[in-house]
Protein backbone atom coordinates (compact mmCIF):
# COMPACT_ATOMS: atom_id res chain seq x y z
CA UNK A 1 0.22 -55.48 19.29
CA UNK A 2 -3.26 -55.68 17.85
CA UNK A 3 -4.93 -54.17 14.79
CA UNK A 4 -8.70 -54.52 14.56
CA UNK A 5 -12.05 -53.08 13.59
CA UNK A 6 -15.16 -52.07 15.47
CA UNK A 7 -18.54 -51.89 13.73
CA UNK A 8 -20.60 -48.81 14.57
CA UNK A 9 -24.37 -48.73 15.08
CA UNK A 10 -24.85 -47.59 11.49
CA UNK A 11 -22.70 -50.45 10.16
CA UNK A 12 -19.43 -48.63 9.50
CA UNK A 13 -16.20 -50.52 10.13
CA UNK A 14 -13.73 -48.32 12.01
CA UNK A 15 -10.10 -49.45 11.93
CA UNK A 16 -8.06 -48.94 15.07
CA UNK A 17 -4.61 -49.72 16.51
CA UNK A 18 -4.43 -50.76 20.15
CA UNK A 19 -0.85 -51.16 21.39
CA UNK A 20 0.54 -51.75 24.87
CA UNK A 21 -0.47 -53.40 28.15
CA UNK A 22 -4.22 -53.48 28.78
CA UNK A 23 -3.73 -52.17 32.33
CA UNK A 24 -1.53 -49.23 31.30
CA UNK A 25 -2.80 -45.63 31.21
CA UNK A 26 -4.50 -44.93 27.88
CA UNK A 27 -3.87 -42.22 25.28
CA UNK A 28 -6.28 -42.08 22.33
CA UNK A 29 -5.04 -40.17 19.28
CA UNK A 30 -7.35 -38.42 16.79
CA UNK A 31 -5.81 -37.64 13.39
CA UNK A 32 -6.26 -34.65 11.13
CA UNK A 33 -7.87 -34.32 7.69
CA UNK A 34 -7.44 -36.22 5.32
CA UNK A 35 -5.00 -38.56 7.06
CA UNK A 36 -5.15 -41.70 9.21
CA UNK A 37 -3.93 -43.21 12.47
CA UNK A 38 -0.53 -43.55 10.77
CA UNK A 39 0.01 -39.82 11.19
CA UNK A 40 0.66 -40.53 14.89
CA UNK A 41 3.67 -42.81 14.29
CA UNK A 42 6.07 -40.49 16.12
CA UNK A 43 3.74 -40.33 19.14
CA UNK A 44 2.54 -43.96 19.25
CA UNK A 45 6.06 -45.43 19.42
CA UNK A 46 7.27 -42.83 21.91
CA UNK A 47 4.40 -43.23 24.38
CA UNK A 48 4.43 -47.01 24.01
CA UNK A 49 8.05 -46.78 25.15
CA UNK A 50 6.97 -44.64 28.11
CA UNK A 51 4.67 -47.38 29.40
CA UNK A 52 1.35 -46.21 27.98
CA UNK A 53 -1.37 -48.03 26.10
CA UNK A 54 -1.81 -46.15 22.84
CA UNK A 55 -4.92 -46.28 20.67
CA UNK A 56 -5.60 -44.56 17.34
CA UNK A 57 -8.39 -45.02 14.82
CA UNK A 58 -8.99 -44.12 11.19
CA UNK A 59 -11.95 -41.77 10.91
CA UNK A 60 -14.82 -43.09 8.76
CA UNK A 61 -13.94 -42.72 5.09
CA UNK A 62 -10.26 -42.30 5.98
CA UNK A 63 -7.38 -44.78 5.95
CA UNK A 64 -8.56 -48.36 6.40
CA UNK A 65 -12.07 -47.59 7.69
CA UNK A 66 -15.19 -48.11 5.57
CA UNK A 67 -15.53 -45.75 2.62
CA UNK A 68 -19.17 -44.95 3.24
CA UNK A 69 -20.73 -42.11 1.33
CA UNK A 70 -22.48 -40.41 4.27
CA UNK A 71 -22.02 -39.47 7.92
CA UNK A 72 -18.98 -37.28 7.36
CA UNK A 73 -19.85 -34.80 10.10
CA UNK A 74 -18.79 -34.17 13.69
CA UNK A 75 -21.76 -35.98 15.25
CA UNK A 76 -20.86 -39.21 13.45
CA UNK A 77 -17.13 -38.70 14.06
CA UNK A 78 -17.78 -38.32 17.80
CA UNK A 79 -20.08 -41.35 17.89
CA UNK A 80 -17.46 -43.43 16.08
CA UNK A 81 -14.94 -42.49 18.78
CA UNK A 82 -17.47 -43.55 21.42
CA UNK A 83 -17.82 -46.90 19.64
CA UNK A 84 -14.05 -47.48 19.83
CA UNK A 85 -13.94 -46.44 23.49
CA UNK A 86 -16.86 -48.73 24.40
CA UNK A 87 -15.53 -51.66 22.35
CA UNK A 88 -12.16 -51.52 24.12
CA UNK A 89 -13.79 -50.54 27.45
CA UNK A 90 -11.37 -47.66 27.93
CA UNK A 91 -11.41 -45.51 31.07
CA UNK A 92 -9.49 -42.42 32.26
CA UNK A 93 -8.49 -41.74 28.67
CA UNK A 94 -6.28 -38.85 27.59
CA UNK A 95 -7.64 -37.72 24.21
CA UNK A 96 -5.10 -36.07 21.91
CA UNK A 97 -6.41 -34.48 18.73
CA UNK A 98 -4.52 -32.80 15.88
CA UNK A 99 -6.25 -30.32 13.57
CA UNK A 100 -9.67 -31.80 12.65
CA UNK A 101 -8.97 -34.41 15.33
CA UNK A 102 -8.97 -31.63 17.90
CA UNK A 103 -12.49 -30.71 16.88
CA UNK A 104 -13.42 -34.37 17.12
CA UNK A 105 -12.05 -34.52 20.68
CA UNK A 106 -14.02 -31.45 21.78
CA UNK A 107 -17.24 -32.70 20.19
CA UNK A 108 -16.81 -36.23 21.54
CA UNK A 109 -16.36 -35.02 25.12
CA UNK A 110 -19.28 -32.58 24.91
CA UNK A 111 -21.57 -35.16 23.26
CA UNK A 112 -20.63 -38.26 25.27
CA UNK A 113 -19.56 -36.81 28.60
CA UNK A 114 -16.45 -36.98 30.74
CA UNK A 115 -17.07 -40.24 32.63
CA UNK A 116 -14.31 -42.05 30.70
CA UNK A 117 -12.12 -38.96 30.07
CA UNK A 118 -9.10 -37.89 32.13
CA UNK A 119 -7.64 -35.05 30.07
CA UNK A 120 -7.68 -33.60 26.57
CA UNK A 121 -5.05 -32.10 24.27
CA UNK A 122 -5.81 -29.95 21.23
CA UNK A 123 -2.84 -29.66 18.86
CA UNK A 124 -3.03 -27.10 16.02
CA UNK A 125 -6.75 -27.76 16.27
CA UNK A 126 -9.66 -26.30 14.31
CA UNK A 127 -11.82 -25.09 17.26
CA UNK A 128 -13.54 -22.84 18.08
CA UNK A 129 -14.59 -22.11 14.44
CA UNK A 130 -12.53 -21.82 11.28
CA UNK A 131 -14.89 -20.11 8.83
CA UNK A 132 -15.52 -16.37 8.98
CA UNK A 133 -19.00 -15.37 10.16
CA UNK A 134 -20.55 -12.25 11.69
CA UNK A 135 -19.91 -13.78 15.12
CA UNK A 136 -16.42 -14.97 14.09
CA UNK A 137 -14.88 -12.06 12.18
CA UNK A 138 -11.35 -13.44 12.58
CA UNK A 139 -12.15 -16.61 10.64
CA UNK A 140 -11.10 -17.52 7.12
CA UNK A 141 -13.47 -16.66 4.25
CA UNK A 142 -15.69 -19.52 3.09
CA UNK A 143 -14.06 -19.14 -0.35
CA UNK A 144 -10.85 -20.64 1.10
CA UNK A 145 -12.66 -23.90 1.86
CA UNK A 146 -14.68 -23.82 -1.37
CA UNK A 147 -11.34 -23.62 -3.19
CA UNK A 148 -10.04 -26.64 -1.26
CA UNK A 149 -13.07 -28.64 -2.38
CA UNK A 150 -12.58 -27.48 -5.98
CA UNK A 151 -8.90 -28.52 -5.97
CA UNK A 152 -9.76 -31.89 -4.41
CA UNK A 153 -12.44 -32.53 -7.04
CA UNK A 154 -10.23 -31.44 -9.93
CA UNK A 155 -7.03 -33.35 -9.11
CA UNK A 156 -6.89 -34.88 -5.65
CA UNK A 157 -3.50 -36.55 -6.24
CA UNK A 158 -1.79 -33.25 -7.07
CA UNK A 159 -3.59 -31.34 -4.32
CA UNK A 160 -2.47 -33.97 -1.79
CA UNK A 161 1.11 -33.44 -2.87
CA UNK A 162 0.97 -29.63 -2.85
CA UNK A 163 -0.43 -29.35 0.69
CA UNK A 164 2.35 -31.25 2.54
CA UNK A 165 5.04 -30.00 0.17
CA UNK A 166 3.99 -26.45 1.01
CA UNK A 167 2.02 -24.96 3.92
CA UNK A 168 1.21 -28.02 6.08
CA UNK A 169 4.77 -28.53 7.34
CA UNK A 170 6.00 -25.02 6.57
CA UNK A 171 8.14 -26.37 3.74
CA UNK A 172 7.29 -23.24 1.73
CA UNK A 173 9.18 -21.03 4.22
CA UNK A 174 12.64 -19.63 3.52
CA UNK A 175 15.32 -21.97 4.80
CA UNK A 176 12.98 -24.94 5.20
CA UNK A 177 14.39 -28.38 4.45
CA UNK A 178 11.54 -30.47 3.05
CA UNK A 179 11.54 -34.20 3.79
CA UNK A 180 10.35 -36.09 0.72
CA UNK A 181 9.47 -39.05 2.94
CA UNK A 182 7.17 -36.94 5.14
CA UNK A 183 5.55 -35.39 2.07
CA UNK A 184 4.94 -38.76 0.42
CA UNK A 185 3.67 -40.30 3.67
CA UNK A 186 1.06 -37.53 3.89
CA UNK A 187 0.17 -38.18 0.24
CA UNK A 188 -0.05 -41.94 0.88
CA UNK A 189 -2.39 -41.51 3.85
CA UNK A 190 -4.59 -39.05 2.00
CA UNK A 191 -4.93 -41.20 -1.10
CA UNK A 192 -5.93 -44.24 1.00
CA UNK A 193 -9.12 -42.47 2.00
CA UNK A 194 -12.35 -41.68 0.18
CA UNK A 195 -12.57 -38.54 -1.92
CA UNK A 196 -16.25 -38.19 -0.88
CA UNK A 197 -15.35 -38.39 2.82
CA UNK A 198 -12.60 -35.84 2.37
CA UNK A 199 -14.80 -33.51 0.30
CA UNK A 200 -17.51 -33.53 2.97
CA UNK A 201 -14.89 -33.39 5.72
CA UNK A 202 -13.80 -29.93 4.58
CA UNK A 203 -17.26 -28.65 5.51
CA UNK A 204 -17.18 -30.56 8.81
CA UNK A 205 -13.88 -29.11 10.00
CA UNK A 206 -14.41 -25.58 8.70
CA UNK A 207 -18.06 -24.88 9.47
CA UNK A 208 -18.64 -26.71 12.76
CA UNK A 209 -18.82 -24.24 15.66
CA UNK A 210 -17.17 -25.88 18.67
CA UNK A 211 -17.72 -22.94 21.06
CA UNK A 212 -20.43 -24.62 23.13
CA UNK A 213 -18.52 -27.93 23.09
CA UNK A 214 -15.45 -26.26 24.57
CA UNK A 215 -17.53 -24.58 27.30
CA UNK A 216 -18.82 -27.98 28.44
CA UNK A 217 -15.34 -29.43 29.02
CA UNK A 218 -14.21 -29.42 32.66
CA UNK A 219 -11.25 -31.84 32.54
CA UNK A 220 -7.75 -30.33 32.14
CA UNK A 221 -7.07 -29.29 28.55
CA UNK A 222 -3.70 -28.50 26.98
CA UNK A 223 -3.90 -26.36 23.84
CA UNK A 224 -0.71 -26.56 21.72
CA UNK A 225 -0.39 -24.31 18.68
CA UNK A 226 2.41 -23.03 16.49
CA UNK A 227 2.31 -19.33 15.69
CA UNK A 228 3.38 -20.04 12.08
CA UNK A 229 0.46 -22.39 11.41
CA UNK A 230 -0.60 -21.73 7.80
CA UNK A 231 -3.53 -24.17 7.90
CA UNK A 232 -5.30 -23.23 11.15
CA UNK A 233 -4.22 -19.63 11.85
CA UNK A 234 -3.05 -19.20 15.45
CA UNK A 235 -4.86 -16.02 16.51
CA UNK A 236 -8.36 -17.34 15.81
CA UNK A 237 -7.88 -20.83 17.27
CA UNK A 238 -5.50 -21.81 20.06
CA UNK A 239 -5.81 -18.76 22.35
CA UNK A 240 -9.61 -18.68 21.99
CA UNK A 241 -10.01 -22.42 22.71
CA UNK A 242 -7.82 -22.19 25.81
CA UNK A 243 -10.06 -19.43 27.18
CA UNK A 244 -13.34 -21.21 26.39
CA UNK A 245 -12.56 -24.41 28.30
CA UNK A 246 -12.79 -24.20 32.09
CA UNK A 247 -9.39 -25.68 32.85
CA UNK A 248 -7.22 -24.78 29.88
CA UNK A 249 -3.50 -24.19 29.38
CA UNK A 250 -2.17 -22.60 26.18
CA UNK A 251 1.30 -23.49 24.95
CA UNK A 252 2.48 -21.45 21.98
CA UNK A 253 5.34 -22.59 19.75
CA UNK A 254 7.18 -19.79 17.93
CA UNK A 255 7.72 -20.65 14.27
CA UNK A 256 6.20 -24.14 14.45
CA UNK A 257 4.01 -25.27 11.50
CA UNK A 258 0.64 -26.99 11.42
CA UNK A 259 2.19 -30.44 11.13
CA UNK A 260 4.38 -29.98 14.21
CA UNK A 261 3.60 -33.39 15.79
CA UNK A 262 5.65 -34.87 12.91
CA UNK A 263 8.33 -32.28 12.20
CA UNK A 264 8.80 -31.22 15.84
CA UNK A 265 7.96 -34.56 17.47
CA UNK A 266 10.72 -34.38 20.10
CA UNK A 267 9.41 -31.11 21.53
CA UNK A 268 5.72 -32.01 21.23
CA UNK A 269 6.17 -35.46 22.78
CA UNK A 270 8.08 -34.10 25.78
CA UNK A 271 5.43 -31.44 26.46
CA UNK A 272 2.62 -33.97 26.02
CA UNK A 273 4.29 -36.35 28.47
CA UNK A 274 4.74 -33.58 31.06
CA UNK A 275 1.04 -32.61 30.79
CA UNK A 276 -0.21 -36.20 30.98
CA UNK A 277 1.94 -37.00 34.02
CA UNK A 278 1.08 -33.76 35.80
């Protein structure tokens, strides 16, 4: 196993994990806001055990990557992914993105092309566009994201407890059985990162329109979304993304929350494996 850094063209150090045989098929995981590569623990171990090479990076300003003050936008995120891919000389990669990471996957493929890409998976992902506009009437009001920034600025530590303890994993639903370990692991990952990166990241994931990015993607795409997602509402995301890509498959999970790769790992991993091996 190897943990390392790659330095981007603008001098940012991006932390990545690269586990498994160098000649094995590659899966690259893209984490959600405001987390890190650690959020893929349940997937990294599983797919390593299935004979894959698994790679995951910390987005700039997140986790163990440089806490730079600028570049917290989808163009830089996509270019940072390209730097990791080039540094490791990865080919025929399956890109798996959760939440903001799903937007990163779409933008990376559209911006850098499909030459090194085999397939893509968008899990509870932010595309096509989260914020409500005249062209996107089903989106969430901008005030929702303004409020997130206000809570982050006022008391990030409390905000980063309330999100996983409540809507992220559906722990605010009747009958839910919250895992304190999962909640604190989310908090730990969030607090490792830069408050400036996370503040700007809210704009990046909510206001970036990925419609044209999705239309450019021709490789097979699996869109996985829970219909009880309280962070990225189902109706305005998963079904629309699956239609916009040329070769998309939508898989809907009744009752699953936004953080389903963690709380429903057994189901998600099995479906991911079936899609990758197809």
